[in-house]
Amino acid sequence: MFTSPGPYGGLQPPCWRGNAAGHKQSRKFLECIDDNFLLQVIEEPTRGGAMLDLVLTNKEGLVGDVKLKGSLGCSDHKMAKFKILRAVRRALSKLTTLDFSRADFGLFRDLLGRVPWDKALEEEGPKEAG
């Protein structure tokens, strides 16, 4: 998720509802958002009649309960308050994984060092996959 206070640098901001922009740089900005599969979640103007402040997310349903509040200090932008929603519990995986954090690599190295590799691999040639 990304929040931005007015990224337009004096340009006319894009129209989020129609996904349209009058200036080339604003169109490029919209294309960048689309190309990166981002969603803009603020739906109301944040300064006057313009939507200058953004909350971008790459996952629908990740950001919710978006509310615009009064301004902070002497700013003329409204504050955006929102919640980051997440699943309460993760789905359990049936995939078994090994926990190597408790492995005794010294013992493993010692055991491998005891194998007479020259003799063990003496008659072994390349094997075909099969």
N, C-alpha and C. Protein backbone atom coordinates (compact mmCIF):
# COMPACT_ATOMS: atom_id res chain seq x y z
N MET A 1 0.84 -1.15 0.00
CA MET A 1 0.00 0.00 0.00
C MET A 1 0.90 1.22 0.00
N PHE A 2 0.44 2.28 -0.64
CA PHE A 2 1.20 3.50 -0.78
C PHE A 2 0.27 4.67 -0.56
N THR A 3 0.69 5.64 0.22
CA THR A 3 -0.09 6.85 0.38
C THR A 3 0.72 8.01 -0.16
N SER A 4 0.06 8.95 -0.76
CA SER A 4 0.75 10.08 -1.35
C SER A 4 -0.03 11.36 -1.15
N PRO A 5 0.58 12.39 -0.61
CA PRO A 5 -0.09 13.68 -0.53
C PRO A 5 0.17 14.48 -1.79
N GLY A 6 -0.72 14.42 -2.73
CA GLY A 6 -0.65 15.25 -3.92
C GLY A 6 0.56 15.03 -4.80
N PRO A 7 0.58 14.00 -5.65
CA PRO A 7 1.74 13.69 -6.47
C PRO A 7 1.80 14.45 -7.79
N TYR A 8 0.92 15.39 -8.00
CA TYR A 8 0.77 15.94 -9.35
C TYR A 8 1.67 17.11 -9.65
N GLY A 9 2.30 17.70 -8.67
CA GLY A 9 3.26 18.78 -8.91
C GLY A 9 2.68 19.94 -9.72
N GLY A 10 1.50 20.39 -9.40
CA GLY A 10 0.90 21.54 -10.10
C GLY A 10 0.12 21.15 -11.35
N LEU A 11 0.13 19.89 -11.74
CA LEU A 11 -0.64 19.46 -12.91
C LEU A 11 -2.09 19.23 -12.53
N GLN A 12 -2.93 19.20 -13.53
CA GLN A 12 -4.33 18.85 -13.32
C GLN A 12 -4.39 17.37 -12.96
N PRO A 13 -4.95 17.02 -11.79
CA PRO A 13 -5.01 15.60 -11.42
C PRO A 13 -5.93 14.81 -12.33
N PRO A 14 -5.69 13.51 -12.47
CA PRO A 14 -6.56 12.67 -13.31
C PRO A 14 -7.94 12.52 -12.70
N CYS A 15 -8.88 12.14 -13.54
CA CYS A 15 -10.23 11.83 -13.07
C CYS A 15 -10.25 10.35 -12.74
N TRP A 16 -10.34 10.01 -11.46
CA TRP A 16 -10.25 8.62 -11.04
C TRP A 16 -11.48 7.83 -11.43
N ARG A 17 -12.62 8.46 -11.42
CA ARG A 17 -13.84 7.70 -11.76
C ARG A 17 -13.85 7.26 -13.22
N GLY A 18 -13.42 8.13 -14.11
CA GLY A 18 -13.41 7.78 -15.53
C GLY A 18 -12.07 7.30 -16.02
N ASN A 19 -11.07 7.26 -15.12
CA ASN A 19 -9.72 6.85 -15.49
C ASN A 19 -9.22 7.64 -16.69
N ALA A 20 -9.41 8.97 -16.63
CA ALA A 20 -9.02 9.84 -17.74
C ALA A 20 -8.16 10.98 -17.21
N ALA A 21 -7.33 11.51 -18.10
CA ALA A 21 -6.47 12.63 -17.72
C ALA A 21 -6.30 13.55 -18.91
N GLY A 22 -6.25 14.86 -18.64
CA GLY A 22 -6.11 15.84 -19.69
C GLY A 22 -4.67 16.13 -20.07
N HIS A 23 -3.73 15.88 -19.20
CA HIS A 23 -2.33 16.16 -19.47
C HIS A 23 -1.55 14.87 -19.69
N LYS A 24 -0.51 14.97 -20.50
CA LYS A 24 0.30 13.81 -20.83
C LYS A 24 0.91 13.15 -19.58
N GLN A 25 1.44 13.96 -18.67
CA GLN A 25 2.06 13.39 -17.47
C GLN A 25 1.02 12.73 -16.57
N SER A 26 -0.17 13.29 -16.51
CA SER A 26 -1.23 12.67 -15.71
C SER A 26 -1.66 11.36 -16.33
N ARG A 27 -1.70 11.29 -17.67
CA ARG A 27 -2.03 10.03 -18.35
C ARG A 27 -0.96 8.99 -18.07
N LYS A 28 0.31 9.41 -18.10
CA LYS A 28 1.40 8.47 -17.80
C LYS A 28 1.28 7.95 -16.38
N PHE A 29 0.89 8.83 -15.46
CA PHE A 29 0.70 8.42 -14.08
C PHE A 29 -0.40 7.36 -13.98
N LEU A 30 -1.51 7.58 -14.66
CA LEU A 30 -2.60 6.60 -14.66
C LEU A 30 -2.16 5.29 -15.30
N GLU A 31 -1.42 5.37 -16.39
CA GLU A 31 -0.91 4.16 -17.04
C GLU A 31 0.01 3.38 -16.10
N CYS A 32 0.84 4.09 -15.37
CA CYS A 32 1.75 3.44 -14.42
C CYS A 32 0.95 2.70 -13.34
N ILE A 33 -0.09 3.34 -12.86
CA ILE A 33 -0.93 2.70 -11.84
C ILE A 33 -1.60 1.46 -12.42
N ASP A 34 -2.14 1.57 -13.65
CA ASP A 34 -2.76 0.42 -14.29
C ASP A 34 -1.75 -0.69 -14.58
N ASP A 35 -0.58 -0.32 -15.09
CA ASP A 35 0.45 -1.31 -15.42
C ASP A 35 0.92 -2.10 -14.21
N ASN A 36 0.84 -1.48 -13.04
CA ASN A 36 1.28 -2.14 -11.81
C ASN A 36 0.13 -2.70 -10.99
N PHE A 37 -1.06 -2.75 -11.61
CA PHE A 37 -2.25 -3.35 -11.01
C PHE A 37 -2.58 -2.74 -9.65
N LEU A 38 -2.47 -1.41 -9.58
CA LEU A 38 -2.78 -0.71 -8.34
C LEU A 38 -4.20 -0.17 -8.38
N LEU A 39 -4.81 -0.05 -7.21
CA LEU A 39 -6.15 0.50 -7.07
C LEU A 39 -6.07 1.73 -6.18
N GLN A 40 -6.80 2.77 -6.54
CA GLN A 40 -6.88 3.99 -5.74
C GLN A 40 -8.15 3.88 -4.93
N VAL A 41 -8.07 3.98 -3.60
CA VAL A 41 -9.24 3.70 -2.77
C VAL A 41 -9.98 4.92 -2.24
N ILE A 42 -9.38 6.10 -2.31
CA ILE A 42 -10.09 7.31 -1.88
C ILE A 42 -11.07 7.70 -2.98
N GLU A 43 -12.31 7.95 -2.60
CA GLU A 43 -13.34 8.23 -3.61
C GLU A 43 -13.91 9.64 -3.53
N GLU A 44 -13.47 10.43 -2.56
CA GLU A 44 -13.99 11.78 -2.38
C GLU A 44 -12.86 12.80 -2.58
N PRO A 45 -13.22 14.04 -2.92
CA PRO A 45 -12.18 15.09 -3.02
C PRO A 45 -11.50 15.31 -1.67
N THR A 46 -10.20 15.54 -1.71
CA THR A 46 -9.44 15.74 -0.47
C THR A 46 -9.01 17.20 -0.30
N ARG A 47 -9.15 18.00 -1.34
CA ARG A 47 -8.81 19.43 -1.25
C ARG A 47 -9.72 20.17 -2.21
N GLY A 48 -10.61 20.96 -1.68
CA GLY A 48 -11.57 21.66 -2.54
C GLY A 48 -12.41 20.61 -3.27
N GLY A 49 -12.50 20.71 -4.59
CA GLY A 49 -13.25 19.74 -5.37
C GLY A 49 -12.35 18.70 -6.03
N ALA A 50 -11.06 18.68 -5.69
CA ALA A 50 -10.11 17.78 -6.35
C ALA A 50 -9.64 16.66 -5.42
N MET A 51 -9.37 15.54 -6.01
CA MET A 51 -8.85 14.40 -5.27
C MET A 51 -7.33 14.41 -5.42
N LEU A 52 -6.65 15.08 -4.51
CA LEU A 52 -5.21 15.24 -4.62
C LEU A 52 -4.41 14.24 -3.79
N ASP A 53 -5.03 13.66 -2.79
CA ASP A 53 -4.33 12.71 -1.93
C ASP A 53 -4.78 11.30 -2.26
N LEU A 54 -3.84 10.38 -2.29
CA LEU A 54 -4.12 9.03 -2.77
C LEU A 54 -3.78 7.98 -1.72
N VAL A 55 -4.51 6.89 -1.77
CA VAL A 55 -4.14 5.66 -1.06
C VAL A 55 -4.21 4.57 -2.12
N LEU A 56 -3.05 4.04 -2.48
CA LEU A 56 -2.96 3.02 -3.52
C LEU A 56 -2.69 1.67 -2.88
N THR A 57 -3.31 0.64 -3.42
CA THR A 57 -3.08 -0.72 -2.94
C THR A 57 -3.02 -1.66 -4.13
N ASN A 58 -2.36 -2.78 -3.95
CA ASN A 58 -2.28 -3.77 -5.02
C ASN A 58 -3.22 -4.94 -4.80
N LYS A 59 -4.04 -4.85 -3.76
CA LYS A 59 -4.94 -5.96 -3.46
C LYS A 59 -6.30 -5.41 -3.05
N GLU A 60 -7.32 -5.78 -3.79
CA GLU A 60 -8.67 -5.33 -3.47
C GLU A 60 -9.09 -5.92 -2.13
N GLY A 61 -9.68 -5.09 -1.29
CA GLY A 61 -10.12 -5.55 0.01
C GLY A 61 -9.06 -5.42 1.10
N LEU A 62 -7.86 -4.97 0.76
CA LEU A 62 -6.80 -4.81 1.75
C LEU A 62 -7.01 -3.54 2.57
N VAL A 63 -7.56 -2.51 1.93
CA VAL A 63 -7.80 -1.23 2.59
C VAL A 63 -9.30 -1.01 2.68
N GLY A 64 -9.79 -0.64 3.85
CA GLY A 64 -11.22 -0.41 4.00
C GLY A 64 -11.51 0.68 4.99
N ASP A 65 -12.78 0.97 5.13
CA ASP A 65 -13.25 1.98 6.08
C ASP A 65 -12.54 3.31 5.89
N VAL A 66 -12.46 3.76 4.63
CA VAL A 66 -11.79 5.02 4.31
C VAL A 66 -12.71 6.18 4.66
N LYS A 67 -12.19 7.09 5.50
CA LYS A 67 -12.97 8.27 5.90
C LYS A 67 -12.08 9.49 5.78
N LEU A 68 -12.64 10.58 5.27
CA LEU A 68 -11.92 11.84 5.22
C LEU A 68 -12.36 12.68 6.40
N LYS A 69 -11.39 13.18 7.14
CA LYS A 69 -11.63 13.98 8.33
C LYS A 69 -11.18 15.41 8.07
N GLY A 70 -11.30 16.25 9.05
CA GLY A 70 -10.84 17.64 8.94
C GLY A 70 -9.34 17.70 8.69
N SER A 71 -8.84 18.89 8.48
CA SER A 71 -7.42 19.04 8.16
C SER A 71 -6.56 19.00 9.42
N LEU A 72 -5.30 18.74 9.24
CA LEU A 72 -4.34 18.68 10.33
C LEU A 72 -3.53 19.97 10.31
N GLY A 73 -3.52 20.67 11.42
CA GLY A 73 -2.77 21.92 11.49
C GLY A 73 -3.32 22.95 10.53
N CYS A 74 -2.44 23.58 9.77
CA CYS A 74 -2.89 24.61 8.83
C CYS A 74 -2.96 24.10 7.40
N SER A 75 -2.96 22.79 7.22
CA SER A 75 -3.08 22.21 5.88
C SER A 75 -4.49 22.42 5.34
N ASP A 76 -4.60 22.58 4.03
CA ASP A 76 -5.93 22.69 3.42
C ASP A 76 -6.37 21.37 2.80
N HIS A 77 -5.66 20.30 3.08
CA HIS A 77 -6.03 18.95 2.64
C HIS A 77 -6.76 18.25 3.77
N LYS A 78 -7.75 17.43 3.43
CA LYS A 78 -8.43 16.62 4.44
C LYS A 78 -7.54 15.43 4.82
N MET A 79 -7.65 15.01 6.06
CA MET A 79 -6.92 13.81 6.50
C MET A 79 -7.68 12.57 6.04
N ALA A 80 -6.96 11.59 5.56
CA ALA A 80 -7.56 10.32 5.16
C ALA A 80 -7.29 9.31 6.27
N LYS A 81 -8.36 8.73 6.78
CA LYS A 81 -8.24 7.69 7.81
C LYS A 81 -8.74 6.40 7.18
N PHE A 82 -7.99 5.33 7.35
CA PHE A 82 -8.39 4.05 6.75
C PHE A 82 -7.85 2.91 7.59
N LYS A 83 -8.40 1.74 7.35
CA LYS A 83 -7.95 0.53 8.04
C LYS A 83 -7.30 -0.40 7.03
N ILE A 84 -6.26 -1.06 7.49
CA ILE A 84 -5.64 -2.11 6.68
C ILE A 84 -6.26 -3.41 7.16
N LEU A 85 -6.96 -4.06 6.28
CA LEU A 85 -7.68 -5.28 6.62
C LEU A 85 -6.80 -6.48 6.32
N ARG A 86 -6.84 -7.44 7.18
CA ARG A 86 -6.06 -8.66 6.94
C ARG A 86 -6.84 -9.84 7.50
N ALA A 87 -6.49 -11.00 7.01
CA ALA A 87 -7.16 -12.21 7.48
C ALA A 87 -6.76 -12.47 8.93
N VAL A 88 -7.70 -12.92 9.72
CA VAL A 88 -7.44 -13.18 11.12
C VAL A 88 -6.55 -14.40 11.29
N ARG A 89 -6.75 -15.40 10.48
CA ARG A 89 -5.92 -16.60 10.57
C ARG A 89 -5.49 -17.02 9.18
N ARG A 90 -4.36 -17.63 9.13
CA ARG A 90 -3.83 -18.09 7.85
C ARG A 90 -4.35 -19.49 7.57
N ALA A 91 -4.47 -19.80 6.31
CA ALA A 91 -4.88 -21.15 5.93
C ALA A 91 -3.74 -22.11 6.27
N LEU A 92 -4.09 -23.23 6.84
CA LEU A 92 -3.07 -24.21 7.20
C LEU A 92 -2.62 -24.97 5.95
N SER A 93 -1.34 -25.13 5.83
CA SER A 93 -0.78 -25.83 4.70
C SER A 93 -0.52 -27.28 5.09
N LYS A 94 -0.78 -28.19 4.17
CA LYS A 94 -0.51 -29.61 4.42
C LYS A 94 0.88 -29.99 3.89
N LEU A 95 1.60 -29.01 3.40
CA LEU A 95 2.94 -29.23 2.88
C LEU A 95 3.90 -29.41 4.05
N THR A 96 4.62 -30.50 4.07
CA THR A 96 5.58 -30.78 5.12
C THR A 96 6.91 -30.17 4.75
N THR A 97 7.49 -29.45 5.69
CA THR A 97 8.81 -28.86 5.45
C THR A 97 9.74 -29.30 6.56
N LEU A 98 11.01 -29.38 6.25
CA LEU A 98 12.01 -29.77 7.24
C LEU A 98 12.51 -28.53 7.97
N ASP A 99 12.75 -28.68 9.27
CA ASP A 99 13.27 -27.59 10.09
C ASP A 99 14.76 -27.81 10.28
N PHE A 100 15.57 -27.08 9.50
CA PHE A 100 17.01 -27.25 9.56
C PHE A 100 17.65 -26.38 10.65
N SER A 101 16.87 -25.62 11.37
CA SER A 101 17.45 -24.74 12.39
C SER A 101 18.04 -25.54 13.55
N ARG A 102 17.59 -26.77 13.75
CA ARG A 102 18.12 -27.60 14.83
C ARG A 102 19.05 -28.70 14.31
N ALA A 103 19.41 -28.65 13.06
CA ALA A 103 20.25 -29.70 12.47
C ALA A 103 21.68 -29.63 13.03
N ASP A 104 22.28 -30.78 13.14
CA ASP A 104 23.67 -30.89 13.61
C ASP A 104 24.55 -31.04 12.37
N PHE A 105 24.96 -29.91 11.79
CA PHE A 105 25.73 -29.95 10.55
C PHE A 105 27.14 -30.48 10.79
N GLY A 106 27.67 -30.33 11.99
CA GLY A 106 28.98 -30.91 12.32
C GLY A 106 28.94 -32.42 12.22
N LEU A 107 27.90 -33.02 12.79
CA LEU A 107 27.72 -34.48 12.72
C LEU A 107 27.52 -34.91 11.27
N PHE A 108 26.72 -34.16 10.53
CA PHE A 108 26.47 -34.48 9.13
C PHE A 108 27.78 -34.46 8.34
N ARG A 109 28.60 -33.44 8.55
CA ARG A 109 29.89 -33.32 7.87
C ARG A 109 30.79 -34.49 8.26
N ASP A 110 30.79 -34.86 9.54
CA ASP A 110 31.60 -35.97 10.03
C ASP A 110 31.18 -37.29 9.38
N LEU A 111 29.88 -37.54 9.32
CA LEU A 111 29.37 -38.77 8.71
C LEU A 111 29.71 -38.85 7.23
N LEU A 112 29.59 -37.73 6.53
CA LEU A 112 29.94 -37.72 5.11
C LEU A 112 31.44 -37.91 4.90
N GLY A 113 32.23 -37.41 5.85
CA GLY A 113 33.68 -37.57 5.75
C GLY A 113 34.13 -39.01 5.94
N ARG A 114 33.32 -39.85 6.57
CA ARG A 114 33.66 -41.25 6.79
C ARG A 114 33.40 -42.13 5.57
N VAL A 115 32.66 -41.64 4.63
CA VAL A 115 32.33 -42.43 3.43
C VAL A 115 33.55 -42.47 2.51
N PRO A 116 33.98 -43.67 2.10
CA PRO A 116 35.11 -43.77 1.14
C PRO A 116 34.60 -43.44 -0.27
N TRP A 117 34.53 -42.17 -0.59
CA TRP A 117 33.90 -41.71 -1.83
C TRP A 117 34.58 -42.26 -3.08
N ASP A 118 35.91 -42.36 -3.10
CA ASP A 118 36.60 -42.88 -4.28
C ASP A 118 36.12 -44.29 -4.59
N LYS A 119 36.02 -45.12 -3.57
CA LYS A 119 35.58 -46.49 -3.76
C LYS A 119 34.07 -46.55 -4.06
N ALA A 120 33.28 -45.72 -3.36
CA ALA A 120 31.83 -45.74 -3.54
C ALA A 120 31.44 -45.29 -4.94
N LEU A 121 32.22 -44.39 -5.53
CA LEU A 121 31.87 -43.88 -6.86
C LEU A 121 32.73 -44.47 -7.97
N GLU A 122 33.58 -45.42 -7.63
CA GLU A 122 34.52 -46.01 -8.57
C GLU A 122 33.85 -46.58 -9.81
N GLU A 123 32.84 -47.38 -9.62
CA GLU A 123 32.23 -48.04 -10.76
C GLU A 123 30.99 -47.32 -11.24
N GLU A 124 30.70 -46.20 -10.65
CA GLU A 124 29.50 -45.46 -11.05
C GLU A 124 29.84 -44.55 -12.22
N GLY A 125 29.14 -44.69 -13.28
CA GLY A 125 29.25 -43.78 -14.39
C GLY A 125 28.03 -42.89 -14.39
N PRO A 126 27.91 -42.07 -15.40
CA PRO A 126 26.71 -41.24 -15.47
C PRO A 126 25.46 -42.11 -15.61
N LYS A 127 24.44 -41.75 -14.89
CA LYS A 127 23.20 -42.50 -14.97
C LYS A 127 22.19 -41.72 -15.78
N GLU A 128 21.41 -42.46 -16.53
CA GLU A 128 20.37 -41.80 -17.32
C GLU A 128 19.13 -41.65 -16.47
N ALA A 129 18.47 -40.52 -16.69
CA ALA A 129 17.22 -40.30 -15.97
C ALA A 129 16.19 -41.28 -16.48
N GLY A 130 15.41 -41.80 -15.61
CA GLY A 130 14.48 -42.77 -16.14
C GLY A 130 13.38 -42.96 -15.24
